Protein backbone atom coordinates (compact mmCIF):
# COMPACT_ATOMS: atom_id res chain seq x y z
CA MET A 1 4.75 3.24 -0.29
CA ASN A 2 5.19 3.03 -4.06
CA LEU A 3 1.57 3.97 -4.77
CA ILE A 4 1.72 6.94 -2.42
CA THR A 5 4.97 8.22 -3.94
CA ASN A 6 3.57 7.78 -7.44
CA ILE A 7 0.47 9.78 -6.55
CA LEU A 8 2.58 12.55 -5.01
CA LEU A 9 4.82 12.66 -8.08
CA PHE A 10 1.74 12.84 -10.29
CA LYS A 11 0.39 15.73 -8.20
CA TYR A 12 3.70 17.61 -8.48
CA TYR A 13 3.71 16.92 -12.23
CA LEU A 14 0.30 18.57 -12.52
CA THR A 15 1.38 21.59 -10.49
CA ASN A 16 4.61 22.00 -12.46
CA LYS A 17 2.72 21.72 -15.74
CA GLN A 18 0.32 24.46 -14.63
CA GLU A 19 3.22 26.66 -13.50
CA LEU A 20 5.02 26.27 -16.81
CA LYS A 21 1.90 27.36 -18.67
CA LYS A 22 1.18 30.37 -16.46
CA LYS A 23 4.81 31.17 -15.48
CA LYS A 24 3.63 32.21 -12.02
CA LYS A 25 2.45 30.66 -8.79
CA ILE A 26 -0.86 28.84 -8.68
CA ASN A 27 -3.71 30.64 -7.00
CA LEU A 28 -5.12 28.07 -4.61
CA LYS A 29 -8.50 29.77 -4.37
CA THR A 30 -9.24 29.21 -8.06
CA ASN A 31 -7.52 25.87 -8.69
CA GLN A 32 -8.01 24.05 -5.39
CA TYR A 33 -11.25 22.38 -6.44
CA ASN A 34 -9.80 21.16 -9.75
CA TYR A 35 -6.84 19.52 -8.03
CA ILE A 36 -9.11 17.87 -5.48
CA VAL A 37 -11.30 16.46 -8.24
CA LYS A 38 -8.34 15.15 -10.27
CA PHE A 39 -6.65 13.70 -7.21
CA TRP A 40 -9.90 12.13 -6.02
CA LYS A 41 -10.46 10.49 -9.42
CA TYR A 42 -6.95 9.03 -9.54
CA SER A 43 -7.10 7.91 -5.90
CA ARG A 44 -10.37 6.10 -6.61
CA PHE A 45 -8.82 4.60 -9.75
CA LEU A 46 -5.87 3.24 -7.75
CA GLY A 47 -8.09 1.99 -4.94
CA LEU A 48 -6.89 4.39 -2.25
CA ILE A 49 -10.31 5.47 -1.07
CA SER A 50 -9.37 4.85 2.58
CA PHE A 51 -6.58 7.44 2.24
CA LYS A 52 -8.86 10.17 0.91
CA GLY A 53 -9.00 12.42 3.98
CA GLU A 54 -5.25 12.37 4.62
CA LEU A 55 -3.73 12.55 1.17
CA ILE A 56 -6.00 15.26 -0.24
CA TRP A 57 -5.68 17.74 2.60
CA LYS A 58 -1.98 17.37 3.48
CA TYR A 59 -0.84 19.54 0.61
């Protein structure tokens, strides 16, 4: 559970960082691919390849 919570906190950190820069909501159509690529890289780095279908698409 600790790895999953850390990944979710890292994802929310990325979204909050983007929101602070833009000062508005994120447009999912433009930034969805970037978040999938970042999250996929960090999930592969942490060895959570088996979780890829669930964790990426639940947000």
